[in-house]
C-alpha atoms as a PDB file:
ATOM      1  CA  UNK A   1       8.337  29.294  34.516  1.00  0.00           C
ATOM      2  CA  UNK A   2       4.846  29.696  36.037  1.00  0.00           C
ATOM      3  CA  UNK A   3       3.279  28.822  32.671  1.00  0.00           C
ATOM      4  CA  UNK A   4       5.354  25.649  32.554  1.00  0.00           C
ATOM      5  CA  UNK A   5       4.205  24.475  35.987  1.00  0.00           C
ATOM      6  CA  UNK A   6       0.599  25.327  35.138  1.00  0.00           C
ATOM      7  CA  UNK A   7       0.885  23.314  31.924  1.00  0.00           C
ATOM      8  CA  UNK A   8       2.421  20.372  33.774  1.00  0.00           C
ATOM      9  CA  UNK A   9      -0.300  20.406  36.438  1.00  0.00           C
ATOM     10  CA  UNK A  10      -2.833  18.740  34.130  1.00  0.00           C
ATOM     11  CA  UNK A  11      -2.714  14.948  33.617  1.00  0.00           C
ATOM     12  CA  UNK A  12      -3.937  15.181  30.016  1.00  0.00           C
ATOM     13  CA  UNK A  13      -1.117  17.564  29.125  1.00  0.00           C
ATOM     14  CA  UNK A  14       1.411  15.337  30.869  1.00  0.00           C
ATOM     15  CA  UNK A  15       0.128  12.375  28.833  1.00  0.00           C
ATOM     16  CA  UNK A  16       0.437  14.422  25.622  1.00  0.00           C
ATOM     17  CA  UNK A  17       4.061  15.146  26.525  1.00  0.00           C
ATOM     18  CA  UNK A  18       4.648  11.429  27.105  1.00  0.00           C
ATOM     19  CA  UNK A  19       3.262  10.681  23.638  1.00  0.00           C
ATOM     20  CA  UNK A  20       5.467  13.348  22.079  1.00  0.00           C
ATOM     21  CA  UNK A  21       8.470  11.906  23.882  1.00  0.00           C
ATOM     22  CA  UNK A  22       7.946   8.765  21.796  1.00  0.00           C
ATOM     23  CA  UNK A  23       7.580  10.623  18.468  1.00  0.00           C
ATOM     24  CA  UNK A  24       6.426  13.835  16.816  1.00  0.00           C
ATOM     25  CA  UNK A  25       2.704  13.787  16.099  1.00  0.00           C
ATOM     26  CA  UNK A  26      -0.139  15.717  14.499  1.00  0.00           C
ATOM     27  CA  UNK A  27      -3.031  16.971  16.610  1.00  0.00           C
ATOM     28  CA  UNK A  28      -5.191  14.247  15.064  1.00  0.00           C
ATOM     29  CA  UNK A  29      -2.704  11.547  16.045  1.00  0.00           C
ATOM     30  CA  UNK A  30      -2.660  12.910  19.588  1.00  0.00           C
ATOM     31  CA  UNK A  31      -6.456  13.143  19.745  1.00  0.00           C
ATOM     32  CA  UNK A  32      -6.741   9.480  18.708  1.00  0.00           C
ATOM     33  CA  UNK A  33      -5.053   8.546  21.989  1.00  0.00           C
ATOM     34  CA  UNK A  34      -7.739  10.198  24.118  1.00  0.00           C
ATOM     35  CA  UNK A  35     -11.437   9.907  24.793  1.00  0.00           C
ATOM     36  CA  UNK A  36     -12.014  13.677  24.742  1.00  0.00           C
ATOM     37  CA  UNK A  37     -13.054  16.093  22.025  1.00  0.00           C
ATOM     38  CA  UNK A  38     -10.624  17.432  19.442  1.00  0.00           C
ATOM     39  CA  UNK A  39     -11.287  21.017  20.576  1.00  0.00           C
ATOM     40  CA  UNK A  40     -10.242  19.975  24.103  1.00  0.00           C
ATOM     41  CA  UNK A  41      -7.026  18.463  22.738  1.00  0.00           C
ATOM     42  CA  UNK A  42      -6.434  21.652  20.766  1.00  0.00           C
ATOM     43  CA  UNK A  43      -6.859  23.680  23.956  1.00  0.00           C
ATOM     44  CA  UNK A  44      -4.315  21.511  25.775  1.00  0.00           C
ATOM     45  CA  UNK A  45      -1.887  21.749  22.848  1.00  0.00           C
ATOM     46  CA  UNK A  46      -2.177  25.539  22.844  1.00  0.00           C
ATOM     47  CA  UNK A  47      -1.321  25.659  26.544  1.00  0.00           C
ATOM     48  CA  UNK A  48       1.706  23.437  25.940  1.00  0.00           C
ATOM     49  CA  UNK A  49       2.766  25.575  22.992  1.00  0.00           C
ATOM     50  CA  UNK A  50       2.309  28.857  24.898  1.00  0.00           C
ATOM     51  CA  UNK A  51       4.371  27.495  27.780  1.00  0.00           C
ATOM     52  CA  UNK A  52       7.057  26.588  25.225  1.00  0.00           C
ATOM     53  CA  UNK A  53       7.013  22.902  26.135  1.00  0.00           C
ATOM     54  CA  UNK A  54       6.217  21.936  22.534  1.00  0.00           C
ATOM     55  CA  UNK A  55       7.179  23.207  19.104  1.00  0.00           C
ATOM     56  CA  UNK A  56       4.954  23.244  16.063  1.00  0.00           C
ATOM     57  CA  UNK A  57       5.922  22.914  12.425  1.00  0.00           C
ATOM     58  CA  UNK A  58       3.568  23.102   9.489  1.00  0.00           C
ATOM     59  CA  UNK A  59       3.960  20.315   6.942  1.00  0.00           C
ATOM     60  CA  UNK A  60       1.451  20.848   4.175  1.00  0.00           C
ATOM     61  CA  UNK A  61      -1.988  20.861   5.795  1.00  0.00           C
ATOM     62  CA  UNK A  62      -0.714  19.270   9.006  1.00  0.00           C
ATOM     63  CA  UNK A  63       0.829  20.834  12.069  1.00  0.00           C
ATOM     64  CA  UNK A  64       3.419  18.582  13.648  1.00  0.00           C
ATOM     65  CA  UNK A  65       3.950  18.811  17.408  1.00  0.00           C
ATOM     66  CA  UNK A  66       7.274  17.953  19.016  1.00  0.00           C
ATOM     67  CA  UNK A  67       8.874  18.336  22.441  1.00  0.00           C
ATOM     68  CA  UNK A  68      10.987  21.377  23.164  1.00  0.00           C
ATOM     69  CA  UNK A  69      13.833  19.617  24.944  1.00  0.00           C
ATOM     70  CA  UNK A  70      15.494  22.938  25.789  1.00  0.00           C
ATOM     71  CA  UNK A  71      12.538  23.827  28.020  1.00  0.00           C
ATOM     72  CA  UNK A  72      12.843  20.521  29.822  1.00  0.00           C
ATOM     73  CA  UNK A  73      16.554  21.106  30.370  1.00  0.00           C
ATOM     74  CA  UNK A  74      15.702  24.477  31.943  1.00  0.00           C
ATOM     75  CA  UNK A  75      13.150  22.833  34.255  1.00  0.00           C
ATOM     76  CA  UNK A  76      15.644  20.177  35.304  1.00  0.00           C
ATOM     77  CA  UNK A  77      18.267  22.858  35.948  1.00  0.00           C
ATOM     78  CA  UNK A  78      15.780  24.792  38.101  1.00  0.00           C
ATOM     79  CA  UNK A  79      14.995  21.664  40.146  1.00  0.00           C
ATOM     80  CA  UNK A  80      18.683  20.864  40.468  1.00  0.00           C
ATOM     81  CA  UNK A  81      19.484  24.405  41.618  1.00  0.00           C
ATOM     82  CA  UNK A  82      16.496  24.386  43.984  1.00  0.00           C
ATOM     83  CA  UNK A  83      17.344  21.077  45.619  1.00  0.00           C
ATOM     84  CA  UNK A  84      21.077  21.742  45.619  1.00  0.00           C
ATOM     85  CA  UNK A  85      20.883  24.793  47.896  1.00  0.00           C
ATOM     86  CA  UNK A  86      22.820  24.626  51.133  1.00  0.00           C
ATOM     87  CA  UNK A  87      21.184  23.267  54.284  1.00  0.00           C
ATOM     88  CA  UNK A  88      20.881  26.691  55.947  1.00  0.00           C
ATOM     89  CA  UNK A  89      17.378  27.023  54.409  1.00  0.00           C
ATOM     90  CA  UNK A  90      16.228  23.733  55.867  1.00  0.00           C
ATOM     91  CA  UNK A  91      13.415  23.923  58.405  1.00  0.00           C
ATOM     92  CA  UNK A  92      14.283  22.575  61.817  1.00  0.00           C
END
C-alpha cells in the first residue's frame, strides 16, 4: 500500500489516472495531454504500473494503459476501515 500512496502523491500521476478514468489510452495519447517530456510520462506510467494502479496490454506496437479498479477498491476499503474504527482511538 505504501507504493500506492507514493504514486498518488504526485499531481501528474493523479492527472494521468483521471485521464484513464475517462478511457484507456496509449502512452502517446497520455503524453499529448501534458507539457512534459515523453520520458517523464513514461517514468510516471512505470510508477503507476509498479504500484498496480494501472494495467498494460500490448496491442500491436502500442501499449494500452487502463485503470486497475481492483486496486482502487482496496484503497477505498482501507480508508473505510480506517475511518470506521471505534472512537476509543480518538485524541481528546
